[in-house]
PDB file of N, CA and C in Angstrom:
ATOM      1  N   MET A   1       6.017   7.381 -24.711  1.00  0.00           N
ATOM      2  CA  MET A   1       7.713   7.384 -24.720  1.00  0.00           C
ATOM      3  C   MET A   1       8.119   6.216 -25.607  1.00  0.00           C
ATOM      4  N   LYS A   2       9.065   6.617 -25.375  1.00  0.00           N
ATOM      5  CA  LYS A   2      10.735   5.974 -26.380  1.00  0.00           C
ATOM      6  C   LYS A   2      11.144   4.809 -25.355  1.00  0.00           C
ATOM      7  N   LYS A   3      12.025   3.237 -26.632  1.00  0.00           N
ATOM      8  CA  LYS A   3      13.057   3.017 -25.673  1.00  0.00           C
ATOM      9  C   LYS A   3      13.853   3.285 -27.200  1.00  0.00           C
ATOM     10  N   GLN A   4      15.006   3.400 -26.070  1.00  0.00           N
ATOM     11  CA  GLN A   4      16.851   3.416 -27.129  1.00  0.00           C
ATOM     12  C   GLN A   4      17.302   2.525 -26.724  1.00  0.00           C
ATOM     13  N   VAL A   5      17.339   1.721 -28.505  1.00  0.00           N
ATOM     14  CA  VAL A   5      18.394   0.257 -28.138  1.00  0.00           C
ATOM     15  C   VAL A   5      19.731   0.852 -28.712  1.00  0.00           C
ATOM     16  N   CYS A   6      20.798   0.438 -28.828  1.00  0.00           N
ATOM     17  CA  CYS A   6      21.592   0.859 -29.253  1.00  0.00           C
ATOM     18  C   CYS A   6      22.100  -0.024 -30.116  1.00  0.00           C
ATOM     19  N   ILE A   7      22.388   0.313 -30.861  1.00  0.00           N
ATOM     20  CA  ILE A   7      23.425  -0.113 -32.142  1.00  0.00           C
ATOM     21  C   ILE A   7      24.270   0.167 -32.893  1.00  0.00           C
ATOM     22  N   ILE A   8      25.952   0.267 -32.062  1.00  0.00           N
ATOM     23  CA  ILE A   8      26.595   2.318 -32.310  1.00  0.00           C
ATOM     24  C   ILE A   8      28.316   1.458 -33.571  1.00  0.00           C
ATOM     25  N   PRO A   9      27.996   2.034 -34.951  1.00  0.00           N
ATOM     26  CA  PRO A   9      29.350   2.031 -35.297  1.00  0.00           C
ATOM     27  C   PRO A   9      29.394   2.734 -35.123  1.00  0.00           C
ATOM     28  N   PHE A  10      31.539   2.600 -35.974  1.00  0.00           N
ATOM     29  CA  PHE A  10      32.216   3.331 -35.239  1.00  0.00           C
ATOM     30  C   PHE A  10      33.215   3.164 -35.833  1.00  0.00           C
ATOM     31  N   THR A  11      33.843   4.545 -36.449  1.00  0.00           N
ATOM     32  CA  THR A  11      35.602   3.868 -37.475  1.00  0.00           C
ATOM     33  C   THR A  11      36.159   3.709 -36.451  1.00  0.00           C
ATOM     34  N   ARG A  12      37.064   3.116 -37.373  1.00  0.00           N
ATOM     35  CA  ARG A  12      38.856   2.592 -36.238  1.00  0.00           C
ATOM     36  C   ARG A  12      39.246   3.917 -36.031  1.00  0.00           C
ATOM     37  N   ASP A  13      38.929   5.339 -37.068  1.00  0.00           N
ATOM     38  CA  ASP A  13      39.679   6.404 -36.326  1.00  0.00           C
ATOM     39  C   ASP A  13      38.814   6.627 -35.383  1.00  0.00           C
ATOM     40  N   PHE A  14      37.341   6.948 -34.914  1.00  0.00           N
ATOM     41  CA  PHE A  14      36.918   7.404 -34.152  1.00  0.00           C
ATOM     42  C   PHE A  14      36.761   6.640 -33.209  1.00  0.00           C
ATOM     43  N   LEU A  15      36.986   5.539 -33.387  1.00  0.00           N
ATOM     44  CA  LEU A  15      37.651   4.471 -31.596  1.00  0.00           C
ATOM     45  C   LEU A  15      39.516   5.348 -31.190  1.00  0.00           C
ATOM     46  N   LEU A  16      39.884   5.655 -32.059  1.00  0.00           N
ATOM     47  CA  LEU A  16      41.231   5.476 -31.907  1.00  0.00           C
ATOM     48  C   LEU A  16      41.320   7.249 -30.887  1.00  0.00           C
ATOM     49  N   GLU A  17      40.710   7.654 -31.837  1.00  0.00           N
ATOM     50  CA  GLU A  17      39.853   9.477 -30.679  1.00  0.00           C
ATOM     51  C   GLU A  17      39.618   8.520 -29.559  1.00  0.00           C
ATOM     52  N   TYR A  18      37.943   8.954 -30.030  1.00  0.00           N
ATOM     53  CA  TYR A  18      37.626   7.914 -28.082  1.00  0.00           C
ATOM     54  C   TYR A  18      38.684   7.756 -27.702  1.00  0.00           C
ATOM     55  N   THR A  19      39.359   6.107 -27.243  1.00  0.00           N
ATOM     56  CA  THR A  19      40.261   5.890 -25.975  1.00  0.00           C
ATOM     57  C   THR A  19      41.472   7.655 -25.738  1.00  0.00           C
ATOM     58  N   SER A  20      41.576   8.743 -26.923  1.00  0.00           N
ATOM     59  CA  SER A  20      42.025   8.829 -26.137  1.00  0.00           C
ATOM     60  C   SER A  20      41.553  10.709 -25.445  1.00  0.00           C
ATOM     61  N   LEU A  21      40.556  10.311 -25.601  1.00  0.00           N
ATOM     62  CA  LEU A  21      39.776  10.755 -24.506  1.00  0.00           C
ATOM     63  C   LEU A  21      39.964  10.771 -23.216  1.00  0.00           C
ATOM     64  N   ASP A  22      39.654  12.144 -21.982  1.00  0.00           N
ATOM     65  CA  ASP A  22      39.287  11.722 -20.928  1.00  0.00           C
ATOM     66  C   ASP A  22      38.149  11.379 -20.688  1.00  0.00           C
ATOM     67  N   PRO A  23      37.966  10.451 -19.667  1.00  0.00           N
ATOM     68  CA  PRO A  23      36.222  10.211 -19.494  1.00  0.00           C
ATOM     69  C   PRO A  23      36.211  11.624 -18.770  1.00  0.00           C
ATOM     70  N   THR A  24      34.231  11.663 -18.754  1.00  0.00           N
ATOM     71  CA  THR A  24      33.821  12.807 -19.500  1.00  0.00           C
ATOM     72  C   THR A  24      33.001  12.413 -16.863  1.00  0.00           C
ATOM     73  N   PRO A  25      32.786  13.999 -16.723  1.00  0.00           N
ATOM     74  CA  PRO A  25      32.004  13.987 -15.648  1.00  0.00           C
ATOM     75  C   PRO A  25      30.407  12.807 -15.212  1.00  0.00           C
ATOM     76  N   LEU A  26      29.482  13.410 -16.441  1.00  0.00           N
ATOM     77  CA  LEU A  26      28.593  12.579 -16.577  1.00  0.00           C
ATOM     78  C   LEU A  26      28.614  10.744 -16.659  1.00  0.00           C
ATOM     79  N   GLU A  27      29.920  10.833 -17.975  1.00  0.00           N
ATOM     80  CA  GLU A  27      29.992   9.643 -18.240  1.00  0.00           C
ATOM     81  C   GLU A  27      30.447   8.703 -16.909  1.00  0.00           C
ATOM     82  N   ILE A  28      31.271   9.500 -16.348  1.00  0.00           N
ATOM     83  CA  ILE A  28      31.679   8.558 -15.025  1.00  0.00           C
ATOM     84  C   ILE A  28      30.138   9.172 -14.078  1.00  0.00           C
ATOM     85  N   ILE A  29      29.516   9.584 -13.312  1.00  0.00           N
ATOM     86  CA  ILE A  29      28.022   9.662 -12.896  1.00  0.00           C
ATOM     87  C   ILE A  29      27.520   8.925 -13.434  1.00  0.00           C
ATOM     88  N   GLU A  30      26.797   8.632 -14.638  1.00  0.00           N
ATOM     89  CA  GLU A  30      26.064   8.357 -15.000  1.00  0.00           C
ATOM     90  C   GLU A  30      26.704   6.655 -15.512  1.00  0.00           C
ATOM     91  N   SER A  31      27.347   6.208 -15.813  1.00  0.00           N
ATOM     92  CA  SER A  31      28.668   4.577 -16.163  1.00  0.00           C
ATOM     93  C   SER A  31      27.470   4.640 -18.064  1.00  0.00           C
ATOM     94  N   VAL A  32      27.526   5.782 -18.615  1.00  0.00           N
ATOM     95  CA  VAL A  32      26.898   5.475 -20.246  1.00  0.00           C
ATOM     96  C   VAL A  32      28.562   6.048 -20.692  1.00  0.00           C
ATOM     97  N   ASP A  33      29.239   5.205 -21.860  1.00  0.00           N
ATOM     98  CA  ASP A  33      30.591   5.699 -22.212  1.00  0.00           C
ATOM     99  C   ASP A  33      29.932   6.721 -23.776  1.00  0.00           C
ATOM    100  N   MET A  34      28.963   7.150 -23.959  1.00  0.00           N
ATOM    101  CA  MET A  34      28.250   7.969 -24.693  1.00  0.00           C
ATOM    102  C   MET A  34      28.396   8.972 -24.672  1.00  0.00           C
ATOM    103  N   MET A  35      28.058   9.667 -23.192  1.00  0.00           N
ATOM    104  CA  MET A  35      28.558  10.175 -22.371  1.00  0.00           C
ATOM    105  C   MET A  35      29.601  11.287 -22.832  1.00  0.00           C
ATOM    106  N   ARG A  36      30.461  10.204 -22.782  1.00  0.00           N
ATOM    107  CA  ARG A  36      32.179  10.803 -23.154  1.00  0.00           C
ATOM    108  C   ARG A  36      31.481  11.762 -24.699  1.00  0.00           C
ATOM    109  N   VAL A  37      31.800  11.138 -25.982  1.00  0.00           N
ATOM    110  CA  VAL A  37      31.557  11.475 -27.208  1.00  0.00           C
ATOM    111  C   VAL A  37      30.482  12.702 -27.306  1.00  0.00           C
ATOM    112  N   LEU A  38      29.494  13.259 -25.863  1.00  0.00           N
ATOM    113  CA  LEU A  38      28.827  14.206 -26.114  1.00  0.00           C
ATOM    114  C   LEU A  38      29.614  15.276 -25.208  1.00  0.00           C
ATOM    115  N   GLU A  39      30.117  15.174 -24.241  1.00  0.00           N
ATOM    116  CA  GLU A  39      30.610  16.426 -23.195  1.00  0.00           C
ATOM    117  C   GLU A  39      31.560  16.478 -24.650  1.00  0.00           C
ATOM    118  N   HIS A  40      32.611  15.513 -24.825  1.00  0.00           N
ATOM    119  CA  HIS A  40      33.582  16.151 -26.363  1.00  0.00           C
ATOM    120  C   HIS A  40      33.249  16.853 -27.273  1.00  0.00           C
ATOM    121  N   GLY A  41      31.846  17.546 -27.202  1.00  0.00           N
ATOM    122  CA  GLY A  41      31.032  17.617 -28.856  1.00  0.00           C
ATOM    123  C   GLY A  41      31.574  17.702 -29.726  1.00  0.00           C
ATOM    124  N   LYS A  42      31.575  16.092 -29.642  1.00  0.00           N
ATOM    125  CA  LYS A  42      31.124  14.983 -30.791  1.00  0.00           C
ATOM    126  C   LYS A  42      29.154  14.911 -30.978  1.00  0.00           C
ATOM    127  N   LYS A  43      28.970  14.732 -32.574  1.00  0.00           N
ATOM    128  CA  LYS A  43      27.598  14.069 -32.508  1.00  0.00           C
ATOM    129  C   LYS A  43      27.124  12.944 -32.692  1.00  0.00           C
ATOM    130  N   VAL A  44      26.452  12.557 -32.428  1.00  0.00           N
ATOM    131  CA  VAL A  44      25.072  11.117 -32.665  1.00  0.00           C
ATOM    132  C   VAL A  44      24.385  11.282 -33.516  1.00  0.00           C
ATOM    133  N   LYS A  45      24.317  10.310 -34.142  1.00  0.00           N
ATOM    134  CA  LYS A  45      22.963  10.027 -34.686  1.00  0.00           C
ATOM    135  C   LYS A  45      22.319   9.599 -34.030  1.00  0.00           C
ATOM    136  N   MET A  46      20.175   9.834 -34.011  1.00  0.00           N
ATOM    137  CA  MET A  46      19.952   8.317 -34.001  1.00  0.00           C
ATOM    138  C   MET A  46      18.945   8.077 -35.001  1.00  0.00           C
ATOM    139  N   ILE A  47      18.223   7.649 -34.576  1.00  0.00           N
ATOM    140  CA  ILE A  47      17.170   7.362 -35.987  1.00  0.00           C
ATOM    141  C   ILE A  47      15.546   6.385 -35.260  1.00  0.00           C
ATOM    142  N   HIS A  48      14.920   6.203 -35.506  1.00  0.00           N
ATOM    143  CA  HIS A  48      13.252   6.078 -35.680  1.00  0.00           C
ATOM    144  C   HIS A  48      13.781   4.748 -36.625  1.00  0.00           C
ATOM    145  N   THR A  49      13.310   3.291 -35.989  1.00  0.00           N
ATOM    146  CA  THR A  49      13.252   2.174 -36.434  1.00  0.00           C
ATOM    147  C   THR A  49      11.124   1.846 -35.703  1.00  0.00           C
ATOM    148  N   LYS A  50      10.759   1.010 -36.354  1.00  0.00           N
ATOM    149  CA  LYS A  50       9.309   0.537 -36.788  1.00  0.00           C
ATOM    150  C   LYS A  50      10.077  -1.102 -35.882  1.00  0.00           C
ATOM    151  N   HIS A  51      11.208  -1.390 -35.917  1.00  0.00           N
ATOM    152  CA  HIS A  51      11.213  -3.173 -35.199  1.00  0.00           C
ATOM    153  C   HIS A  51      11.022  -2.945 -34.166  1.00  0.00           C
ATOM    154  N   ARG A  52      10.942  -4.268 -33.489  1.00  0.00           N
ATOM    155  CA  ARG A  52       9.901  -5.167 -32.177  1.00  0.00           C
ATOM    156  C   ARG A  52      11.061  -4.853 -31.809  1.00  0.00           C
ATOM    157  N   THR A  53      11.942  -4.611 -30.604  1.00  0.00           N
ATOM    158  CA  THR A  53      13.461  -5.676 -30.288  1.00  0.00           C
ATOM    159  C   THR A  53      12.648  -6.127 -28.820  1.00  0.00           C
ATOM    160  N   GLN A  54      13.450  -6.978 -28.324  1.00  0.00           N
ATOM    161  CA  GLN A  54      13.758  -7.185 -27.218  1.00  0.00           C
ATOM    162  C   GLN A  54      15.311  -7.465 -26.332  1.00  0.00           C
ATOM    163  N   ALA A  55      15.012  -7.109 -25.052  1.00  0.00           N
ATOM    164  CA  ALA A  55      16.150  -7.265 -23.657  1.00  0.00           C
ATOM    165  C   ALA A  55      16.282  -8.502 -23.505  1.00  0.00           C
ATOM    166  N   VAL A  56      18.117  -8.734 -23.934  1.00  0.00           N
ATOM    167  CA  VAL A  56      18.790  -9.925 -23.324  1.00  0.00           C
ATOM    168  C   VAL A  56      19.193 -10.158 -22.175  1.00  0.00           C
ATOM    169  N   ASP A  57      18.526  -9.449 -21.106  1.00  0.00           N
ATOM    170  CA  ASP A  57      18.962  -9.739 -19.180  1.00  0.00           C
ATOM    171  C   ASP A  57      19.122 -11.135 -18.774  1.00  0.00           C
ATOM    172  N   THR A  58      18.047 -12.553 -18.981  1.00  0.00           N
ATOM    173  CA  THR A  58      17.922 -13.270 -17.964  1.00  0.00           C
ATOM    174  C   THR A  58      18.344 -14.340 -19.861  1.00  0.00           C
ATOM    175  N   LYS A  59      17.836 -15.586 -18.638  1.00  0.00           N
ATOM    176  CA  LYS A  59      17.299 -17.426 -19.170  1.00  0.00           C
ATOM    177  C   LYS A  59      17.161 -16.729 -20.107  1.00  0.00           C
ATOM    178  N   GLU A  60      15.802 -17.052 -19.210  1.00  0.00           N
ATOM    179  CA  GLU A  60      14.472 -16.787 -19.580  1.00  0.00           C
ATOM    180  C   GLU A  60      14.129 -15.237 -21.892  1.00  0.00           C
ATOM    181  N   ASP A  61      14.746 -14.643 -21.199  1.00  0.00           N
ATOM    182  CA  ASP A  61      14.569 -13.317 -22.566  1.00  0.00           C
ATOM    183  C   ASP A  61      15.763 -13.990 -23.336  1.00  0.00           C
ATOM    184  N   LEU A  62      17.026 -14.481 -22.904  1.00  0.00           N
ATOM    185  CA  LEU A  62      17.418 -15.693 -23.963  1.00  0.00           C
ATOM    186  C   LEU A  62      16.687 -16.686 -24.841  1.00  0.00           C
ATOM    187  N   GLU A  63      15.485 -17.597 -23.927  1.00  0.00           N
ATOM    188  CA  GLU A  63      14.909 -18.056 -24.533  1.00  0.00           C
ATOM    189  C   GLU A  63      14.110 -17.916 -25.595  1.00  0.00           C
ATOM    190  N   LYS A  64      12.892 -16.600 -25.095  1.00  0.00           N
ATOM    191  CA  LYS A  64      12.090 -15.981 -25.496  1.00  0.00           C
ATOM    192  C   LYS A  64      12.501 -14.988 -27.096  1.00  0.00           C
ATOM    193  N   VAL A  65      14.303 -14.834 -26.675  1.00  0.00           N
ATOM    194  CA  VAL A  65      14.956 -14.495 -28.573  1.00  0.00           C
ATOM    195  C   VAL A  65      15.067 -15.397 -29.287  1.00  0.00           C
ATOM    196  N   THR A  66      15.444 -16.630 -28.620  1.00  0.00           N
ATOM    197  CA  THR A  66      15.311 -17.295 -29.845  1.00  0.00           C
ATOM    198  C   THR A  66      14.914 -18.067 -29.957  1.00  0.00           C
ATOM    199  N   LYS A  67      13.279 -18.065 -29.884  1.00  0.00           N
ATOM    200  CA  LYS A  67      12.597 -18.330 -30.823  1.00  0.00           C
ATOM    201  C   LYS A  67      11.967 -17.439 -31.747  1.00  0.00           C
ATOM    202  N   ILE A  68      12.070 -15.778 -31.493  1.00  0.00           N
ATOM    203  CA  ILE A  68      11.693 -15.800 -31.911  1.00  0.00           C
ATOM    204  C   ILE A  68      12.675 -15.292 -33.493  1.00  0.00           C
ATOM    205  N   MET A  69      13.707 -15.697 -32.879  1.00  0.00           N
ATOM    206  CA  MET A  69      15.047 -15.634 -33.699  1.00  0.00           C
ATOM    207  C   MET A  69      14.893 -16.775 -35.102  1.00  0.00           C
ATOM    208  N   LYS A  70      14.019 -17.770 -34.426  1.00  0.00           N
ATOM    209  CA  LYS A  70      13.590 -19.275 -34.864  1.00  0.00           C
ATOM    210  C   LYS A  70      13.034 -18.873 -36.451  1.00  0.00           C
ATOM    211  N   LYS A  71      12.018 -17.679 -35.902  1.00  0.00           N
ATOM    212  CA  LYS A  71      10.507 -17.200 -37.223  1.00  0.00           C
ATOM    213  C   LYS A  71      11.048 -16.709 -38.133  1.00  0.00           C
ATOM    214  N   GLU A  72      12.507 -16.296 -37.614  1.00  0.00           N
ATOM    215  CA  GLU A  72      12.961 -14.513 -39.254  1.00  0.00           C
ATOM    216  C   GLU A  72      13.564 -15.734 -40.526  1.00  0.00           C
ATOM    217  N   LYS A  73      13.691 -14.910 -41.310  1.00  0.00           N
ATOM    218  CA  LYS A  73      14.122 -15.636 -42.958  1.00  0.00           C
ATOM    219  C   LYS A  73      15.670 -15.855 -41.765  1.00  0.00           C
ATOM    220  N   LEU A  74      16.317 -15.389 -41.550  1.00  0.00           N
ATOM    221  CA  LEU A  74      17.543 -14.985 -41.924  1.00  0.00           C
ATOM    222  C   LEU A  74      18.842 -15.765 -41.166  1.00  0.00           C
ATOM    223  N   TYR A  75      17.633 -16.015 -40.122  1.00  0.00           N
ATOM    224  CA  TYR A  75      18.396 -17.502 -39.453  1.00  0.00           C
ATOM    225  C   TYR A  75      18.524 -19.145 -39.752  1.00  0.00           C
TER     226      TYR A  75
END
C-alpha cells in the first residue's frame, strides 16, 4: 500500500491559470482540487520518497510531531 503526501509547489503563472479554470465534476464530487488540474489536461508529477511522514489531524498528532521535530537537526 502506498501513502500520498502532498507538497505541491506551483509557479505564480500556473496559480493564475488554475484560478481561471472552471471547477470540474470530479473535483466537486471528490473535493480534491488536484482533479481540476488533471481534468483540464495538465500534468502532475509524483515521486517516491523514503521519508517518514506523520499526519497532524489532532492535538495528540501535533504533540507527537513536535517531539519528532525536536530530534531533527534543522529544528
